[in-house]
Structures are given as structure tokens and as C-alpha cells.
C-alpha atoms as a PDB file:
ATOM      1  CA  UNK A   1     -23.018  53.722  28.745  1.00  0.00           C
ATOM      2  CA  UNK A   2     -23.071  57.389  29.820  1.00  0.00           C
ATOM      3  CA  UNK A   3     -20.907  59.846  27.907  1.00  0.00           C
ATOM      4  CA  UNK A   4     -19.049  62.659  29.631  1.00  0.00           C
ATOM      5  CA  UNK A   5     -17.537  65.918  28.446  1.00  0.00           C
ATOM      6  CA  UNK A   6     -14.277  66.996  30.040  1.00  0.00           C
ATOM      7  CA  UNK A   7     -12.575  70.402  29.848  1.00  0.00           C
ATOM      8  CA  UNK A   8      -8.949  70.595  30.907  1.00  0.00           C
ATOM      9  CA  UNK A   9      -5.893  72.803  30.892  1.00  0.00           C
ATOM     10  CA  UNK A  10      -2.253  71.778  30.731  1.00  0.00           C
ATOM     11  CA  UNK A  11       1.261  73.113  30.594  1.00  0.00           C
ATOM     12  CA  UNK A  12       2.627  71.447  27.479  1.00  0.00           C
ATOM     13  CA  UNK A  13       6.298  71.987  28.353  1.00  0.00           C
ATOM     14  CA  UNK A  14       6.909  68.405  29.433  1.00  0.00           C
ATOM     15  CA  UNK A  15       4.347  66.678  27.227  1.00  0.00           C
ATOM     16  CA  UNK A  16       4.964  65.227  23.763  1.00  0.00           C
ATOM     17  CA  UNK A  17       1.616  66.618  22.690  1.00  0.00           C
ATOM     18  CA  UNK A  18      -1.965  65.512  23.294  1.00  0.00           C
ATOM     19  CA  UNK A  19      -2.194  62.258  21.350  1.00  0.00           C
ATOM     20  CA  UNK A  20      -1.227  58.933  22.905  1.00  0.00           C
ATOM     21  CA  UNK A  21       2.202  57.592  21.938  1.00  0.00           C
ATOM     22  CA  UNK A  22       4.006  54.336  22.619  1.00  0.00           C
ATOM     23  CA  UNK A  23       6.859  55.708  24.690  1.00  0.00           C
ATOM     24  CA  UNK A  24       6.585  59.483  25.149  1.00  0.00           C
ATOM     25  CA  UNK A  25       4.487  61.211  27.802  1.00  0.00           C
ATOM     26  CA  UNK A  26       1.226  62.711  26.496  1.00  0.00           C
ATOM     27  CA  UNK A  27      -1.846  64.408  27.946  1.00  0.00           C
ATOM     28  CA  UNK A  28      -4.202  61.755  26.585  1.00  0.00           C
ATOM     29  CA  UNK A  29      -2.184  59.011  28.273  1.00  0.00           C
ATOM     30  CA  UNK A  30      -2.233  60.788  31.640  1.00  0.00           C
ATOM     31  CA  UNK A  31      -5.994  61.307  31.544  1.00  0.00           C
ATOM     32  CA  UNK A  32      -6.690  57.743  30.408  1.00  0.00           C
ATOM     33  CA  UNK A  33      -4.394  56.394  33.118  1.00  0.00           C
ATOM     34  CA  UNK A  34      -6.309  58.177  35.876  1.00  0.00           C
ATOM     35  CA  UNK A  35      -9.767  57.499  34.422  1.00  0.00           C
ATOM     36  CA  UNK A  36      -8.915  53.799  34.160  1.00  0.00           C
ATOM     37  CA  UNK A  37      -7.728  53.859  37.773  1.00  0.00           C
ATOM     38  CA  UNK A  38     -11.007  55.456  38.872  1.00  0.00           C
ATOM     39  CA  UNK A  39     -12.903  52.900  36.772  1.00  0.00           C
ATOM     40  CA  UNK A  40     -11.438  50.068  38.878  1.00  0.00           C
ATOM     41  CA  UNK A  41      -8.942  49.066  36.217  1.00  0.00           C
ATOM     42  CA  UNK A  42     -11.345  48.859  33.279  1.00  0.00           C
ATOM     43  CA  UNK A  43      -9.792  50.768  30.379  1.00  0.00           C
ATOM     44  CA  UNK A  44     -11.303  54.174  29.585  1.00  0.00           C
ATOM     45  CA  UNK A  45     -10.483  55.787  26.249  1.00  0.00           C
ATOM     46  CA  UNK A  46     -10.723  59.537  25.773  1.00  0.00           C
ATOM     47  CA  UNK A  47     -11.185  61.530  22.549  1.00  0.00           C
ATOM     48  CA  UNK A  48      -9.949  65.124  22.315  1.00  0.00           C
ATOM     49  CA  UNK A  49     -11.230  68.023  20.243  1.00  0.00           C
ATOM     50  CA  UNK A  50      -7.926  68.036  18.405  1.00  0.00           C
ATOM     51  CA  UNK A  51      -4.241  67.304  18.764  1.00  0.00           C
ATOM     52  CA  UNK A  52      -1.810  69.779  20.232  1.00  0.00           C
ATOM     53  CA  UNK A  53       1.877  69.389  19.415  1.00  0.00           C
ATOM     54  CA  UNK A  54       4.718  68.833  21.850  1.00  0.00           C
ATOM     55  CA  UNK A  55       5.246  71.971  23.913  1.00  0.00           C
ATOM     56  CA  UNK A  56       1.865  73.516  23.066  1.00  0.00           C
ATOM     57  CA  UNK A  57      -0.345  74.450  26.022  1.00  0.00           C
ATOM     58  CA  UNK A  58      -4.106  74.420  26.578  1.00  0.00           C
ATOM     59  CA  UNK A  59      -6.497  76.462  28.679  1.00  0.00           C
ATOM     60  CA  UNK A  60      -9.683  74.831  27.396  1.00  0.00           C
ATOM     61  CA  UNK A  61      -9.044  71.512  25.692  1.00  0.00           C
ATOM     62  CA  UNK A  62     -12.257  69.476  25.408  1.00  0.00           C
ATOM     63  CA  UNK A  63     -12.558  65.693  25.361  1.00  0.00           C
ATOM     64  CA  UNK A  64     -15.217  63.026  25.770  1.00  0.00           C
ATOM     65  CA  UNK A  65     -15.230  59.551  27.284  1.00  0.00           C
ATOM     66  CA  UNK A  66     -17.695  56.785  28.158  1.00  0.00           C
ATOM     67  CA  UNK A  67     -17.825  55.488  31.727  1.00  0.00           C
ATOM     68  CA  UNK A  68     -20.151  54.381  34.517  1.00  0.00           C
ATOM     69  CA  UNK A  69     -18.596  56.146  37.529  1.00  0.00           C
ATOM     70  CA  UNK A  70     -19.625  55.436  41.104  1.00  0.00           C
ATOM     71  CA  UNK A  71     -19.492  59.155  41.977  1.00  0.00           C
ATOM     72  CA  UNK A  72     -21.067  62.397  40.736  1.00  0.00           C
ATOM     73  CA  UNK A  73     -19.366  64.659  38.208  1.00  0.00           C
ATOM     74  CA  UNK A  74     -17.917  67.066  40.788  1.00  0.00           C
ATOM     75  CA  UNK A  75     -16.419  64.172  42.726  1.00  0.00           C
ATOM     76  CA  UNK A  76     -15.076  62.689  39.494  1.00  0.00           C
ATOM     77  CA  UNK A  77     -13.419  65.995  38.591  1.00  0.00           C
ATOM     78  CA  UNK A  78     -11.849  66.233  42.045  1.00  0.00           C
ATOM     79  CA  UNK A  79     -10.701  62.613  41.915  1.00  0.00           C
ATOM     80  CA  UNK A  80      -9.076  63.242  38.539  1.00  0.00           C
ATOM     81  CA  UNK A  81      -7.245  66.301  39.833  1.00  0.00           C
ATOM     82  CA  UNK A  82      -6.159  64.425  42.935  1.00  0.00           C
ATOM     83  CA  UNK A  83      -4.404  61.824  40.791  1.00  0.00           C
ATOM     84  CA  UNK A  84      -3.170  63.876  37.838  1.00  0.00           C
ATOM     85  CA  UNK A  85       0.312  65.443  37.766  1.00  0.00           C
ATOM     86  CA  UNK A  86       0.618  69.138  38.531  1.00  0.00           C
ATOM     87  CA  UNK A  87       0.942  70.155  34.868  1.00  0.00           C
ATOM     88  CA  UNK A  88      -2.549  68.903  33.945  1.00  0.00           C
ATOM     89  CA  UNK A  89      -5.806  70.091  35.540  1.00  0.00           C
ATOM     90  CA  UNK A  90      -9.461  69.283  34.839  1.00  0.00           C
ATOM     91  CA  UNK A  91     -11.748  72.331  34.905  1.00  0.00           C
ATOM     92  CA  UNK A  92     -15.041  70.553  34.318  1.00  0.00           C
ATOM     93  CA  UNK A  93     -16.675  67.151  33.958  1.00  0.00           C
ATOM     94  CA  UNK A  94     -20.308  66.929  32.917  1.00  0.00           C
ATOM     95  CA  UNK A  95     -22.582  64.273  31.476  1.00  0.00           C
ATOM     96  CA  UNK A  96     -23.491  64.986  27.864  1.00  0.00           C
ATOM     97  CA  UNK A  97     -25.566  63.611  24.995  1.00  0.00           C
ATOM     98  CA  UNK A  98     -24.578  60.128  23.796  1.00  0.00           C
ATOM     99  CA  UNK A  99     -23.896  61.515  20.310  1.00  0.00           C
ATOM    100  CA  UNK A 100     -21.648  64.358  21.492  1.00  0.00           C
ATOM    101  CA  UNK A 101     -18.198  64.132  19.924  1.00  0.00           C
ATOM    102  CA  UNK A 102     -15.403  66.373  21.174  1.00  0.00           C
ATOM    103  CA  UNK A 103     -13.858  66.656  17.717  1.00  0.00           C
ATOM    104  CA  UNK A 104     -16.682  66.371  15.205  1.00  0.00           C
ATOM    105  CA  UNK A 105     -19.276  68.347  17.195  1.00  0.00           C
ATOM    106  CA  UNK A 106     -16.968  71.361  17.531  1.00  0.00           C
ATOM    107  CA  UNK A 107     -18.004  74.524  15.684  1.00  0.00           C
ATOM    108  CA  UNK A 108     -14.763  76.436  16.084  1.00  0.00           C
ATOM    109  CA  UNK A 109     -11.503  76.402  18.000  1.00  0.00           C
ATOM    110  CA  UNK A 110      -9.749  79.435  19.451  1.00  0.00           C
ATOM    111  CA  UNK A 111      -5.985  79.713  19.859  1.00  0.00           C
ATOM    112  CA  UNK A 112      -3.778  82.352  21.459  1.00  0.00           C
ATOM    113  CA  UNK A 113      -0.146  82.869  20.529  1.00  0.00           C
ATOM    114  CA  UNK A 114       1.839  84.967  23.019  1.00  0.00           C
ATOM    115  CA  UNK A 115       4.853  87.042  22.009  1.00  0.00           C
ATOM    116  CA  UNK A 116       6.925  89.178  24.340  1.00  0.00           C
ATOM    117  CA  UNK A 117       9.062  92.102  23.282  1.00  0.00           C
ATOM    118  CA  UNK A 118      11.363  92.095  26.312  1.00  0.00           C
ATOM    119  CA  UNK A 119      12.974  89.400  28.440  1.00  0.00           C
ATOM    120  CA  UNK A 120      11.047  88.211  31.493  1.00  0.00           C
ATOM    121  CA  UNK A 121      12.306  84.841  32.676  1.00  0.00           C
ATOM    122  CA  UNK A 122       9.135  83.694  34.448  1.00  0.00           C
ATOM    123  CA  UNK A 123       7.391  83.673  31.053  1.00  0.00           C
ATOM    124  CA  UNK A 124      10.083  81.748  29.215  1.00  0.00           C
ATOM    125  CA  UNK A 125       8.000  78.562  28.750  1.00  0.00           C
ATOM    126  CA  UNK A 126       4.858  80.344  27.549  1.00  0.00           C
ATOM    127  CA  UNK A 127       5.993  83.210  25.297  1.00  0.00           C
ATOM    128  CA  UNK A 128       8.182  83.715  22.260  1.00  0.00           C
ATOM    129  CA  UNK A 129      10.711  86.482  22.802  1.00  0.00           C
ATOM    130  CA  UNK A 130      10.522  88.346  19.519  1.00  0.00           C
ATOM    131  CA  UNK A 131      11.994  91.739  20.260  1.00  0.00           C
ATOM    132  CA  UNK A 132      10.084  94.821  19.100  1.00  0.00           C
ATOM    133  CA  UNK A 133       7.078  94.218  16.853  1.00  0.00           C
ATOM    134  CA  UNK A 134       5.099  96.505  14.559  1.00  0.00           C
ATOM    135  CA  UNK A 135       1.441  96.015  15.537  1.00  0.00           C
ATOM    136  CA  UNK A 136       0.160  97.726  12.397  1.00  0.00           C
ATOM    137  CA  UNK A 137       2.096  95.390  10.097  1.00  0.00           C
ATOM    138  CA  UNK A 138       0.996  92.365  12.123  1.00  0.00           C
ATOM    139  CA  UNK A 139      -2.693  93.257  11.848  1.00  0.00           C
ATOM    140  CA  UNK A 140      -2.438  94.119   8.160  1.00  0.00           C
ATOM    141  CA  UNK A 141      -1.226  90.561   7.610  1.00  0.00           C
ATOM    142  CA  UNK A 142      -3.737  89.063  10.047  1.00  0.00           C
ATOM    143  CA  UNK A 143      -6.709  90.633   8.249  1.00  0.00           C
ATOM    144  CA  UNK A 144      -5.816  88.908   4.996  1.00  0.00           C
ATOM    145  CA  UNK A 145      -6.409  85.386   6.329  1.00  0.00           C
ATOM    146  CA  UNK A 146      -9.986  86.008   7.551  1.00  0.00           C
ATOM    147  CA  UNK A 147     -12.501  83.951   5.588  1.00  0.00           C
ATOM    148  CA  UNK A 148     -12.135  80.638   3.772  1.00  0.00           C
ATOM    149  CA  UNK A 149      -8.722  79.936   2.258  1.00  0.00           C
ATOM    150  CA  UNK A 150      -6.518  77.034   1.285  1.00  0.00           C
ATOM    151  CA  UNK A 151      -3.780  76.982   3.945  1.00  0.00           C
ATOM    152  CA  UNK A 152      -1.627  74.325   2.307  1.00  0.00           C
ATOM    153  CA  UNK A 153       1.370  76.689   2.291  1.00  0.00           C
ATOM    154  CA  UNK A 154       0.991  77.219   6.037  1.00  0.00           C
ATOM    155  CA  UNK A 155       0.921  73.608   7.174  1.00  0.00           C
ATOM    156  CA  UNK A 156       3.206  70.656   7.692  1.00  0.00           C
ATOM    157  CA  UNK A 157       3.189  68.420   4.638  1.00  0.00           C
ATOM    158  CA  UNK A 158       0.755  65.530   5.052  1.00  0.00           C
ATOM    159  CA  UNK A 159      -0.265  63.639   1.920  1.00  0.00           C
ATOM    160  CA  UNK A 160      -3.094  61.906   3.814  1.00  0.00           C
ATOM    161  CA  UNK A 161      -5.022  65.181   4.155  1.00  0.00           C
ATOM    162  CA  UNK A 162      -6.988  65.963   0.998  1.00  0.00           C
ATOM    163  CA  UNK A 163      -8.836  69.088   2.176  1.00  0.00           C
ATOM    164  CA  UNK A 164      -6.589  71.951   3.291  1.00  0.00           C
ATOM    165  CA  UNK A 165      -9.298  74.636   3.304  1.00  0.00           C
ATOM    166  CA  UNK A 166     -10.083  76.321   6.615  1.00  0.00           C
ATOM    167  CA  UNK A 167     -12.434  79.154   7.535  1.00  0.00           C
ATOM    168  CA  UNK A 168     -10.924  81.809   9.786  1.00  0.00           C
ATOM    169  CA  UNK A 169     -13.479  83.724  11.878  1.00  0.00           C
ATOM    170  CA  UNK A 170     -11.080  85.915  13.866  1.00  0.00           C
ATOM    171  CA  UNK A 171      -7.460  86.882  13.234  1.00  0.00           C
ATOM    172  CA  UNK A 172      -6.149  89.760  15.311  1.00  0.00           C
ATOM    173  CA  UNK A 173      -3.075  90.961  17.187  1.00  0.00           C
ATOM    174  CA  UNK A 174      -3.440  92.891  20.448  1.00  0.00           C
ATOM    175  CA  UNK A 175      -0.731  94.580  22.490  1.00  0.00           C
ATOM    176  CA  UNK A 176      -0.664  94.978  26.267  1.00  0.00           C
ATOM    177  CA  UNK A 177       2.534  96.505  27.606  1.00  0.00           C
ATOM    178  CA  UNK A 178       5.336  94.274  26.304  1.00  0.00           C
ATOM    179  CA  UNK A 179       3.042  91.327  25.506  1.00  0.00           C
ATOM    180  CA  UNK A 180       1.651  90.993  21.986  1.00  0.00           C
ATOM    181  CA  UNK A 181      -0.997  88.287  21.595  1.00  0.00           C
ATOM    182  CA  UNK A 182      -2.354  86.788  18.394  1.00  0.00           C
ATOM    183  CA  UNK A 183      -5.978  85.613  18.625  1.00  0.00           C
ATOM    184  CA  UNK A 184      -7.198  83.264  15.920  1.00  0.00           C
ATOM    185  CA  UNK A 185     -10.446  81.311  15.619  1.00  0.00           C
ATOM    186  CA  UNK A 186     -11.364  78.831  12.881  1.00  0.00           C
ATOM    187  CA  UNK A 187     -13.559  75.861  12.103  1.00  0.00           C
ATOM    188  CA  UNK A 188     -10.416  73.723  11.852  1.00  0.00           C
ATOM    189  CA  UNK A 189      -6.643  74.043  11.812  1.00  0.00           C
ATOM    190  CA  UNK A 190      -3.978  72.162   9.890  1.00  0.00           C
ATOM    191  CA  UNK A 191      -0.832  70.756  11.484  1.00  0.00           C
ATOM    192  CA  UNK A 192       1.473  73.626  12.559  1.00  0.00           C
ATOM    193  CA  UNK A 193      -0.835  76.116  10.806  1.00  0.00           C
ATOM    194  CA  UNK A 194      -1.003  78.709  13.600  1.00  0.00           C
ATOM    195  CA  UNK A 195       2.751  78.518  14.159  1.00  0.00           C
ATOM    196  CA  UNK A 196       3.470  79.069  10.460  1.00  0.00           C
ATOM    197  CA  UNK A 197       1.065  82.013  10.327  1.00  0.00           C
ATOM    198  CA  UNK A 198       2.573  83.611  13.431  1.00  0.00           C
ATOM    199  CA  UNK A 199       6.143  83.011  12.302  1.00  0.00           C
ATOM    200  CA  UNK A 200       5.483  84.542   8.895  1.00  0.00           C
ATOM    201  CA  UNK A 201       3.624  87.551  10.303  1.00  0.00           C
ATOM    202  CA  UNK A 202       6.450  88.235  12.754  1.00  0.00           C
ATOM    203  CA  UNK A 203       8.896  88.002   9.839  1.00  0.00           C
ATOM    204  CA  UNK A 204       6.806  90.637   8.025  1.00  0.00           C
ATOM    205  CA  UNK A 205       6.920  92.849  11.123  1.00  0.00           C
ATOM    206  CA  UNK A 206      10.710  92.525  11.206  1.00  0.00           C
ATOM    207  CA  UNK A 207      11.071  93.299   7.513  1.00  0.00           C
ATOM    208  CA  UNK A 208      12.302  89.801   6.635  1.00  0.00           C
ATOM    209  CA  UNK A 209       9.237  88.943   4.545  1.00  0.00           C
ATOM    210  CA  UNK A 210       6.851  90.995   2.430  1.00  0.00           C
ATOM    211  CA  UNK A 211       3.079  91.269   2.308  1.00  0.00           C
ATOM    212  CA  UNK A 212       3.277  90.469  -1.391  1.00  0.00           C
ATOM    213  CA  UNK A 213       5.009  87.149  -0.633  1.00  0.00           C
ATOM    214  CA  UNK A 214       2.468  86.440   2.128  1.00  0.00           C
ATOM    215  CA  UNK A 215      -0.488  87.014  -0.202  1.00  0.00           C
ATOM    216  CA  UNK A 216       1.163  84.882  -2.869  1.00  0.00           C
ATOM    217  CA  UNK A 217       1.345  81.899  -0.492  1.00  0.00           C
ATOM    218  CA  UNK A 218      -2.304  82.354   0.461  1.00  0.00           C
ATOM    219  CA  UNK A 219      -3.605  82.841  -3.085  1.00  0.00           C
ATOM    220  CA  UNK A 220      -1.396  80.197  -4.726  1.00  0.00           C
ATOM    221  CA  UNK A 221      -0.947  77.439  -2.118  1.00  0.00           C
ATOM    222  CA  UNK A 222       1.773  74.860  -2.587  1.00  0.00           C
ATOM    223  CA  UNK A 223       3.855  72.277  -0.718  1.00  0.00           C
ATOM    224  CA  UNK A 224       7.374  72.695   0.582  1.00  0.00           C
ATOM    225  CA  UNK A 225       7.615  76.480   0.734  1.00  0.00           C
ATOM    226  CA  UNK A 226      10.374  78.055   2.810  1.00  0.00           C
ATOM    227  CA  UNK A 227       8.585  80.100   5.472  1.00  0.00           C
ATOM    228  CA  UNK A 228       8.961  80.900   9.138  1.00  0.00           C
ATOM    229  CA  UNK A 229       7.521  78.765  11.953  1.00  0.00           C
ATOM    230  CA  UNK A 230       7.056  80.132  15.456  1.00  0.00           C
ATOM    231  CA  UNK A 231       8.133  77.916  18.391  1.00  0.00           C
ATOM    232  CA  UNK A 232       5.545  75.691  20.046  1.00  0.00           C
ATOM    233  CA  UNK A 233       5.764  77.092  23.566  1.00  0.00           C
ATOM    234  CA  UNK A 234       4.037  80.407  22.758  1.00  0.00           C
ATOM    235  CA  UNK A 235       0.868  78.659  21.574  1.00  0.00           C
ATOM    236  CA  UNK A 236      -2.176  77.713  23.653  1.00  0.00           C
ATOM    237  CA  UNK A 237      -5.551  76.206  22.757  1.00  0.00           C
ATOM    238  CA  UNK A 238      -7.856  78.664  24.497  1.00  0.00           C
ATOM    239  CA  UNK A 239     -11.411  77.476  23.864  1.00  0.00           C
ATOM    240  CA  UNK A 240     -13.518  75.056  21.823  1.00  0.00           C
ATOM    241  CA  UNK A 241     -17.112  76.022  20.994  1.00  0.00           C
ATOM    242  CA  UNK A 242     -20.139  73.783  20.477  1.00  0.00           C
ATOM    243  CA  UNK A 243     -23.844  74.324  19.864  1.00  0.00           C
END
């Protein structure tokens, strides 16, 4: 059966994350519902590049599914968008190699976390209002995490995960007017990892946490540390890269 790659964006405000759940609304469930409808009622399962939490957005989430559609890929994309709710949109559908896997074939994932230093109500579901930030302090902290590290201290406790090492390729803060964005790229991310990193860096900028404490958590990882976690709504999965 042909395999297809799908790239989509979504406003995570009213979703309980990506992954299918029994009762709550998720992005995976919405996509599978419409694909199954377009497949004349035969169930279509979809596999994403990774899970996003409740409230987290995406600009370039990637997924794959198997299906024998009776339309070309452009028509399939348009049919999906014609049946999906307004907070989920498919950018691209293309046929891919049978062994392509949205999660395991990914080389790296790029996230953006948006902070805003002043109040602007139209952004309230997509930025974290932080007040004034010190860009120099933020980037001093961001530079430290580049490379391979054990991010156990910066993740939600999960005893089922044995490997908590991740390789960070990019970690940088950039300011544009009152918006301060954090750009981070890695081979993989742990649960809540970006939000813990952002929350702790912002705490350093505010003077509520020290670089020494930050380095200690990175160099001597451990469970159940008391650190800062940024809210979900400022985070977006920007892009997933493949060969």
C-alpha cells in the first residue's frame, strides 16, 4: 500500500496535544477522522514525528500514513483541508518511500519559543508575556546547552525512558522589537524539555536563578529538581528535517 508524507500546522490552543486520546480532542484524532472519511470509512492510522503537548502549536509537524486514495496528492490535501476544523491545516501531502517513518527517519526537529516583553492581546495564545528580558544573559545560558548532554534535569519524570541524552545543534535567542524568540534544534527532545529550558533561562534573565545552578543541573543531572517551566502556549514545532 502506498505511503504518504503529510506536513501540517495547527493552533494547539484547543487541542489536548498531538497524540490520540480516549476522550480529549487531539490533532491525530482529527486527521485520522478525515482520512478515514476520505478512505470510504476504512480506518487510516497516522504516525507523527513526535508528540506535542496540550496547548503547543505547530508550523511544520510531519506525519505518515498508508492509503490507496482515489485522487492525486493535491486533491487529497485540499479534501483534507475542506473537512478539517479551522485550527488545523495541511500544507503538503506527497507520496514517499515505503520505509519512510515520520519519527524514526527524522534527523532533527526545530522548535521556536516566543516571549513578549509587553502586552499585546492578539498574541495572548501564542506568546508568553515575560516582561523585560536580558538578551545577553539568555544567550549566555543558551550557548551552554549546545552539544550532547544528559537533559534529565530538564524533563518530566518518566521511568520508562532509559536514554535522556540529546544533541542540541542550535540554541539561540533573538530579539525583534518586543518579541524575543528562542530557536532550538536537536536530534530529539524529552517531555517538556524545551519548556523547562526556556523557563529556567528566563529565570536567569530575571535574576531568580544563577548560571552556576543552571550548569550544575546540566553537568549533574537528576530527577525531581525544582526548576521553572514555561507555559505551553509560547511553544511551536517549526520544522522537522529528513535526508
